[in-house]
Amino acid sequence: MSLLIGVDSAEFTFIKEKTGATSGNLSVQLDKLEQAGYIEIEKSFKGKRPLTTCRITKHGINAFETYVENLKKYIE
């Protein structure tokens, strides 16, 4: 989620590279975030290759900001 906060959208390969997650694990986690309404996943093609793009939703931004605020309170 923190990767998606700072960008308009991110490709699956970018997220995989930055997180170090395997394709299978990342796919499962992204599906869970999509089911929760935190992100939107768009599947398309770039030429003949599949392209998966993720974008954080307003609900996801609100949830992430709440999470960060709760972490700050916990640390204090």
PDB file of N, CA and C in Angstrom:
ATOM      1  N   MET A   1       0.832  -1.190   0.000  1.00  0.00           N
ATOM      2  CA  MET A   1       0.000   0.000   0.000  1.00  0.00           C
ATOM      3  C   MET A   1       0.875   1.250   0.000  1.00  0.00           C
ATOM      4  N   SER A   2       1.952   1.221   0.770  1.00  0.00           N
ATOM      5  CA  SER A   2       2.788   2.422   0.849  1.00  0.00           C
ATOM      6  C   SER A   2       3.420   2.752  -0.501  1.00  0.00           C
ATOM      7  N   LEU A   3       3.679   1.750  -1.323  1.00  0.00           N
ATOM      8  CA  LEU A   3       4.201   2.013  -2.669  1.00  0.00           C
ATOM      9  C   LEU A   3       3.171   2.739  -3.525  1.00  0.00           C
ATOM     10  N   LEU A   4       1.920   2.383  -3.362  1.00  0.00           N
ATOM     11  CA  LEU A   4       0.869   2.945  -4.207  1.00  0.00           C
ATOM     12  C   LEU A   4       0.436   4.339  -3.775  1.00  0.00           C
ATOM     13  N   ILE A   5       0.721   4.712  -2.536  1.00  0.00           N
ATOM     14  CA  ILE A   5       0.356   6.050  -2.042  1.00  0.00           C
ATOM     15  C   ILE A   5       1.057   7.135  -2.863  1.00  0.00           C
ATOM     16  N   GLY A   6       2.307   6.905  -3.214  1.00  0.00           N
ATOM     17  CA  GLY A   6       3.104   7.938  -3.864  1.00  0.00           C
ATOM     18  C   GLY A   6       3.041   7.969  -5.382  1.00  0.00           C
ATOM     19  N   VAL A   7       2.267   7.065  -5.994  1.00  0.00           N
ATOM     20  CA  VAL A   7       2.202   7.020  -7.453  1.00  0.00           C
ATOM     21  C   VAL A   7       0.746   6.945  -7.902  1.00  0.00           C
ATOM     22  N   ASP A   8       0.505   7.309  -9.150  1.00  0.00           N
ATOM     23  CA  ASP A   8      -0.851   7.206  -9.697  1.00  0.00           C
ATOM     24  C   ASP A   8      -1.243   5.743  -9.843  1.00  0.00           C
ATOM     25  N   SER A   9      -0.314   4.942 -10.360  1.00  0.00           N
ATOM     26  CA  SER A   9      -0.532   3.508 -10.502  1.00  0.00           C
ATOM     27  C   SER A   9       0.832   2.832 -10.597  1.00  0.00           C
ATOM     28  N   ALA A  10       0.832   1.512 -10.417  1.00  0.00           N
ATOM     29  CA  ALA A  10       2.088   0.768 -10.492  1.00  0.00           C
ATOM     30  C   ALA A  10       1.836  -0.583 -11.137  1.00  0.00           C
ATOM     31  N   GLU A  11       2.775  -0.991 -11.970  1.00  0.00           N
ATOM     32  CA  GLU A  11       2.680  -2.294 -12.611  1.00  0.00           C
ATOM     33  C   GLU A  11       3.074  -3.388 -11.622  1.00  0.00           C
ATOM     34  N   PHE A  12       2.507  -4.562 -11.824  1.00  0.00           N
ATOM     35  CA  PHE A  12       2.773  -5.722 -10.978  1.00  0.00           C
ATOM     36  C   PHE A  12       4.275  -5.974 -10.855  1.00  0.00           C
ATOM     37  N   THR A  13       4.990  -5.893 -11.979  1.00  0.00           N
ATOM     38  CA  THR A  13       6.429  -6.173 -11.960  1.00  0.00           C
ATOM     39  C   THR A  13       7.190  -5.162 -11.105  1.00  0.00           C
ATOM     40  N   PHE A  14       6.767  -3.908 -11.118  1.00  0.00           N
ATOM     41  CA  PHE A  14       7.388  -2.872 -10.287  1.00  0.00           C
ATOM     42  C   PHE A  14       7.176  -3.187  -8.807  1.00  0.00           C
ATOM     43  N   ILE A  15       5.941  -3.527  -8.443  1.00  0.00           N
ATOM     44  CA  ILE A  15       5.631  -3.841  -7.046  1.00  0.00           C
ATOM     45  C   ILE A  15       6.407  -5.080  -6.608  1.00  0.00           C
ATOM     46  N   LYS A  16       6.469  -6.074  -7.477  1.00  0.00           N
ATOM     47  CA  LYS A  16       7.201  -7.309  -7.171  1.00  0.00           C
ATOM     48  C   LYS A  16       8.677  -7.012  -6.924  1.00  0.00           C
ATOM     49  N   GLU A  17       9.259  -6.190  -7.779  1.00  0.00           N
ATOM     50  CA  GLU A  17      10.675  -5.836  -7.650  1.00  0.00           C
ATOM     51  C   GLU A  17      10.942  -5.078  -6.346  1.00  0.00           C
ATOM     52  N   LYS A  18      10.091  -4.122  -6.023  1.00  0.00           N
ATOM     53  CA  LYS A  18      10.296  -3.283  -4.839  1.00  0.00           C
ATOM     54  C   LYS A  18      10.050  -4.031  -3.532  1.00  0.00           C
ATOM     55  N   THR A  19       9.128  -4.998  -3.546  1.00  0.00           N
ATOM     56  CA  THR A  19       8.801  -5.718  -2.312  1.00  0.00           C
ATOM     57  C   THR A  19       9.621  -6.985  -2.132  1.00  0.00           C
ATOM     58  N   GLY A  20      10.148  -7.522  -3.216  1.00  0.00           N
ATOM     59  CA  GLY A  20      10.880  -8.775  -3.134  1.00  0.00           C
ATOM     60  C   GLY A  20       9.969  -9.984  -2.965  1.00  0.00           C
ATOM     61  N   ALA A  21       8.681  -9.793  -3.168  1.00  0.00           N
ATOM     62  CA  ALA A  21       7.713 -10.885  -3.028  1.00  0.00           C
ATOM     63  C   ALA A  21       7.742 -11.775  -4.268  1.00  0.00           C
ATOM     64  N   THR A  22       7.335 -13.025  -4.087  1.00  0.00           N
ATOM     65  CA  THR A  22       7.189 -13.902  -5.243  1.00  0.00           C
ATOM     66  C   THR A  22       5.909 -13.521  -5.979  1.00  0.00           C
ATOM     67  N   SER A  23       5.817 -13.921  -7.222  1.00  0.00           N
ATOM     68  CA  SER A  23       4.620 -13.605  -8.014  1.00  0.00           C
ATOM     69  C   SER A  23       3.366 -14.163  -7.364  1.00  0.00           C
ATOM     70  N   GLY A  24       3.436 -15.402  -6.887  1.00  0.00           N
ATOM     71  CA  GLY A  24       2.279 -16.032  -6.263  1.00  0.00           C
ATOM     72  C   GLY A  24       1.839 -15.327  -4.998  1.00  0.00           C
ATOM     73  N   ASN A  25       2.793 -15.032  -4.114  1.00  0.00           N
ATOM     74  CA  ASN A  25       2.460 -14.352  -2.859  1.00  0.00           C
ATOM     75  C   ASN A  25       1.915 -12.953  -3.116  1.00  0.00           C
ATOM     76  N   LEU A  26       2.539 -12.230  -4.030  1.00  0.00           N
ATOM     77  CA  LEU A  26       2.087 -10.872  -4.331  1.00  0.00           C
ATOM     78  C   LEU A  26       0.681 -10.890  -4.922  1.00  0.00           C
ATOM     79  N   SER A  27       0.430 -11.830  -5.801  1.00  0.00           N
ATOM     80  CA  SER A  27      -0.889 -11.938  -6.414  1.00  0.00           C
ATOM     81  C   SER A  27      -1.969 -12.161  -5.363  1.00  0.00           C
ATOM     82  N   VAL A  28      -1.706 -13.037  -4.403  1.00  0.00           N
ATOM     83  CA  VAL A  28      -2.666 -13.312  -3.327  1.00  0.00           C
ATOM     84  C   VAL A  28      -2.902 -12.061  -2.491  1.00  0.00           C
ATOM     85  N   GLN A  29      -1.832 -11.359  -2.132  1.00  0.00           N
ATOM     86  CA  GLN A  29      -1.968 -10.158  -1.303  1.00  0.00           C
ATOM     87  C   GLN A  29      -2.719  -9.053  -2.043  1.00  0.00           C
ATOM     88  N   LEU A  30      -2.420  -8.877  -3.316  1.00  0.00           N
ATOM     89  CA  LEU A  30      -3.123  -7.855  -4.098  1.00  0.00           C
ATOM     90  C   LEU A  30      -4.602  -8.192  -4.231  1.00  0.00           C
ATOM     91  N   ASP A  31      -4.915  -9.466  -4.413  1.00  0.00           N
ATOM     92  CA  ASP A  31      -6.326  -9.878  -4.483  1.00  0.00           C
ATOM     93  C   ASP A  31      -7.052  -9.547  -3.186  1.00  0.00           C
ATOM     94  N   LYS A  32      -6.397  -9.774  -2.043  1.00  0.00           N
ATOM     95  CA  LYS A  32      -7.012  -9.463  -0.745  1.00  0.00           C
ATOM     96  C   LYS A  32      -7.236  -7.961  -0.591  1.00  0.00           C
ATOM     97  N   LEU A  33      -6.267  -7.161  -1.021  1.00  0.00           N
ATOM     98  CA  LEU A  33      -6.421  -5.705  -0.951  1.00  0.00           C
ATOM     99  C   LEU A  33      -7.541  -5.229  -1.871  1.00  0.00           C
ATOM    100  N   GLU A  34      -7.668  -5.863  -3.023  1.00  0.00           N
ATOM    101  CA  GLU A  34      -8.745  -5.494  -3.943  1.00  0.00           C
ATOM    102  C   GLU A  34     -10.103  -5.872  -3.348  1.00  0.00           C
ATOM    103  N   GLN A  35     -10.204  -7.050  -2.753  1.00  0.00           N
ATOM    104  CA  GLN A  35     -11.460  -7.483  -2.136  1.00  0.00           C
ATOM    105  C   GLN A  35     -11.871  -6.551  -1.003  1.00  0.00           C
ATOM    106  N   ALA A  36     -10.886  -5.996  -0.293  1.00  0.00           N
ATOM    107  CA  ALA A  36     -11.170  -5.066   0.799  1.00  0.00           C
ATOM    108  C   ALA A  36     -11.524  -3.672   0.281  1.00  0.00           C
ATOM    109  N   GLY A  37     -11.344  -3.446  -1.014  1.00  0.00           N
ATOM    110  CA  GLY A  37     -11.654  -2.148  -1.600  1.00  0.00           C
ATOM    111  C   GLY A  37     -10.527  -1.139  -1.476  1.00  0.00           C
ATOM    112  N   TYR A  38      -9.330  -1.607  -1.100  1.00  0.00           N
ATOM    113  CA  TYR A  38      -8.195  -0.705  -0.907  1.00  0.00           C
ATOM    114  C   TYR A  38      -7.480  -0.360  -2.210  1.00  0.00           C
ATOM    115  N   ILE A  39      -7.516  -1.280  -3.177  1.00  0.00           N
ATOM    116  CA  ILE A  39      -6.870  -1.030  -4.464  1.00  0.00           C
ATOM    117  C   ILE A  39      -7.790  -1.485  -5.592  1.00  0.00           C
ATOM    118  N   GLU A  40      -7.485  -0.998  -6.789  1.00  0.00           N
ATOM    119  CA  GLU A  40      -8.133  -1.467  -8.013  1.00  0.00           C
ATOM    120  C   GLU A  40      -7.059  -2.141  -8.852  1.00  0.00           C
ATOM    121  N   ILE A  41      -7.403  -3.266  -9.438  1.00  0.00           N
ATOM    122  CA  ILE A  41      -6.474  -3.989 -10.302  1.00  0.00           C
ATOM    123  C   ILE A  41      -7.037  -3.982 -11.717  1.00  0.00           C
ATOM    124  N   GLU A  42      -6.203  -3.567 -12.656  1.00  0.00           N
ATOM    125  CA  GLU A  42      -6.594  -3.545 -14.068  1.00  0.00           C
ATOM    126  C   GLU A  42      -5.690  -4.500 -14.835  1.00  0.00           C
ATOM    127  N   LYS A  43      -6.295  -5.410 -15.558  1.00  0.00           N
ATOM    128  CA  LYS A  43      -5.531  -6.359 -16.365  1.00  0.00           C
ATOM    129  C   LYS A  43      -5.730  -6.008 -17.831  1.00  0.00           C
ATOM    130  N   SER A  44      -4.622  -5.893 -18.542  1.00  0.00           N
ATOM    131  CA  SER A  44      -4.670  -5.550 -19.960  1.00  0.00           C
ATOM    132  C   SER A  44      -3.480  -6.213 -20.648  1.00  0.00           C
ATOM    133  N   PHE A  45      -3.196  -5.771 -21.841  1.00  0.00           N
ATOM    134  CA  PHE A  45      -2.042  -6.285 -22.575  1.00  0.00           C
ATOM    135  C   PHE A  45      -1.179  -5.127 -23.042  1.00  0.00           C
ATOM    136  N   LYS A  46       0.111  -5.340 -23.008  1.00  0.00           N
ATOM    137  CA  LYS A  46       1.093  -4.398 -23.557  1.00  0.00           C
ATOM    138  C   LYS A  46       1.741  -5.156 -24.711  1.00  0.00           C
ATOM    139  N   GLY A  47       1.278  -4.869 -25.910  1.00  0.00           N
ATOM    140  CA  GLY A  47       1.668  -5.714 -27.030  1.00  0.00           C
ATOM    141  C   GLY A  47       0.982  -7.062 -26.854  1.00  0.00           C
ATOM    142  N   LYS A  48       1.777  -8.117 -26.821  1.00  0.00           N
ATOM    143  CA  LYS A  48       1.218  -9.459 -26.622  1.00  0.00           C
ATOM    144  C   LYS A  48       1.387  -9.944 -25.189  1.00  0.00           C
ATOM    145  N   ARG A  49       1.981  -9.122 -24.350  1.00  0.00           N
ATOM    146  CA  ARG A  49       2.236  -9.533 -22.964  1.00  0.00           C
ATOM    147  C   ARG A  49       1.156  -9.011 -22.025  1.00  0.00           C
ATOM    148  N   PRO A  50       0.758  -9.853 -21.057  1.00  0.00           N
ATOM    149  CA  PRO A  50      -0.220  -9.386 -20.067  1.00  0.00           C
ATOM    150  C   PRO A  50       0.379  -8.288 -19.192  1.00  0.00           C
ATOM    151  N   LEU A  51      -0.453  -7.343 -18.809  1.00  0.00           N
ATOM    152  CA  LEU A  51      -0.018  -6.227 -17.976  1.00  0.00           C
ATOM    153  C   LEU A  51      -1.031  -6.042 -16.853  1.00  0.00           C
ATOM    154  N   THR A  52      -0.553  -6.131 -15.624  1.00  0.00           N
ATOM    155  CA  THR A  52      -1.401  -5.912 -14.456  1.00  0.00           C
ATOM    156  C   THR A  52      -0.977  -4.609 -13.803  1.00  0.00           C
ATOM    157  N   THR A  53      -1.926  -3.697 -13.646  1.00  0.00           N
ATOM    158  CA  THR A  53      -1.659  -2.392 -13.051  1.00  0.00           C
ATOM    159  C   THR A  53      -2.529  -2.219 -11.815  1.00  0.00           C
ATOM    160  N   CYS A  54      -1.923  -1.700 -10.748  1.00  0.00           N
ATOM    161  CA  CYS A  54      -2.634  -1.494  -9.485  1.00  0.00           C
ATOM    162  C   CYS A  54      -2.704  -0.008  -9.167  1.00  0.00           C
ATOM    163  N   ARG A  55      -3.831   0.383  -8.578  1.00  0.00           N
ATOM    164  CA  ARG A  55      -4.049   1.784  -8.197  1.00  0.00           C
ATOM    165  C   ARG A  55      -4.755   1.788  -6.853  1.00  0.00           C
ATOM    166  N   ILE A  56      -4.305   2.645  -5.944  1.00  0.00           N
ATOM    167  CA  ILE A  56      -4.945   2.739  -4.634  1.00  0.00           C
ATOM    168  C   ILE A  56      -6.256   3.517  -4.765  1.00  0.00           C
ATOM    169  N   THR A  57      -7.264   3.116  -4.005  1.00  0.00           N
ATOM    170  CA  THR A  57      -8.566   3.792  -4.028  1.00  0.00           C
ATOM    171  C   THR A  57      -8.626   4.836  -2.910  1.00  0.00           C
ATOM    172  N   LYS A  58      -9.654   5.663  -2.933  1.00  0.00           N
ATOM    173  CA  LYS A  58      -9.844   6.634  -1.844  1.00  0.00           C
ATOM    174  C   LYS A  58     -10.022   5.907  -0.516  1.00  0.00           C
ATOM    175  N   HIS A  59     -10.756   4.804  -0.558  1.00  0.00           N
ATOM    176  CA  HIS A  59     -10.939   3.987   0.650  1.00  0.00           C
ATOM    177  C   HIS A  59      -9.583   3.469   1.149  1.00  0.00           C
ATOM    178  N   GLY A  60      -8.730   3.065   0.220  1.00  0.00           N
ATOM    179  CA  GLY A  60      -7.397   2.586   0.568  1.00  0.00           C
ATOM    180  C   GLY A  60      -6.527   3.681   1.162  1.00  0.00           C
ATOM    181  N   ILE A  61      -6.617   4.875   0.602  1.00  0.00           N
ATOM    182  CA  ILE A  61      -5.856   6.016   1.132  1.00  0.00           C
ATOM    183  C   ILE A  61      -6.307   6.322   2.552  1.00  0.00           C
ATOM    184  N   ASN A  62      -7.616   6.358   2.770  1.00  0.00           N
ATOM    185  CA  ASN A  62      -8.141   6.626   4.115  1.00  0.00           C
ATOM    186  C   ASN A  62      -7.700   5.560   5.105  1.00  0.00           C
ATOM    187  N   ALA A  63      -7.760   4.297   4.700  1.00  0.00           N
ATOM    188  CA  ALA A  63      -7.351   3.201   5.579  1.00  0.00           C
ATOM    189  C   ALA A  63      -5.863   3.293   5.901  1.00  0.00           C
ATOM    190  N   PHE A  64      -5.051   3.629   4.902  1.00  0.00           N
ATOM    191  CA  PHE A  64      -3.610   3.739   5.121  1.00  0.00           C
ATOM    192  C   PHE A  64      -3.290   4.904   6.054  1.00  0.00           C
ATOM    193  N   GLU A  65      -3.954   6.039   5.853  1.00  0.00           N
ATOM    194  CA  GLU A  65      -3.728   7.200   6.722  1.00  0.00           C
ATOM    195  C   GLU A  65      -4.137   6.893   8.160  1.00  0.00           C
ATOM    196  N   THR A  66      -5.228   6.179   8.343  1.00  0.00           N
ATOM    197  CA  THR A  66      -5.658   5.773   9.684  1.00  0.00           C
ATOM    198  C   THR A  66      -4.623   4.851  10.311  1.00  0.00           C
ATOM    199  N   TYR A  67      -4.106   3.925   9.533  1.00  0.00           N
ATOM    200  CA  TYR A  67      -3.071   3.001  10.003  1.00  0.00           C
ATOM    201  C   TYR A  67      -1.828   3.762  10.463  1.00  0.00           C
ATOM    202  N   VAL A  68      -1.391   4.729   9.666  1.00  0.00           N
ATOM    203  CA  VAL A  68      -0.207   5.523  10.013  1.00  0.00           C
ATOM    204  C   VAL A  68      -0.455   6.319  11.293  1.00  0.00           C
ATOM    205  N   GLU A  69      -1.627   6.921  11.420  1.00  0.00           N
ATOM    206  CA  GLU A  69      -1.957   7.682  12.635  1.00  0.00           C
ATOM    207  C   GLU A  69      -1.962   6.777  13.863  1.00  0.00           C
ATOM    208  N   ASN A  70      -2.507   5.588  13.731  1.00  0.00           N
ATOM    209  CA  ASN A  70      -2.513   4.644  14.847  1.00  0.00           C
ATOM    210  C   ASN A  70      -1.105   4.209  15.220  1.00  0.00           C
ATOM    211  N   LEU A  71      -0.237   4.040  14.232  1.00  0.00           N
ATOM    212  CA  LEU A  71       1.162   3.707  14.516  1.00  0.00           C
ATOM    213  C   LEU A  71       1.845   4.834  15.281  1.00  0.00           C
ATOM    214  N   LYS A  72       1.587   6.067  14.861  1.00  0.00           N
ATOM    215  CA  LYS A  72       2.171   7.222  15.553  1.00  0.00           C
ATOM    216  C   LYS A  72       1.732   7.261  17.008  1.00  0.00           C
ATOM    217  N   LYS A  73       0.455   7.018  17.264  1.00  0.00           N
ATOM    218  CA  LYS A  73      -0.060   7.011  18.639  1.00  0.00           C
ATOM    219  C   LYS A  73       0.585   5.902  19.452  1.00  0.00           C
ATOM    220  N   TYR A  74       0.778   4.757  18.836  1.00  0.00           N
ATOM    221  CA  TYR A  74       1.382   3.621  19.523  1.00  0.00           C
ATOM    222  C   TYR A  74       2.829   3.919  19.906  1.00  0.00           C
ATOM    223  N   ILE A  75       3.556   4.564  19.004  1.00  0.00           N
ATOM    224  CA  ILE A  75       4.973   4.866  19.237  1.00  0.00           C
ATOM    225  C   ILE A  75       5.142   5.912  20.329  1.00  0.00           C
ATOM    226  N   GLU A  76       4.228   6.868  20.394  1.00  0.00           N
ATOM    227  CA  GLU A  76       4.327   7.934  21.392  1.00  0.00           C
ATOM    228  C   GLU A  76       4.059   7.354  22.725  1.00  0.00           C
TER     229      GLU A  76
END
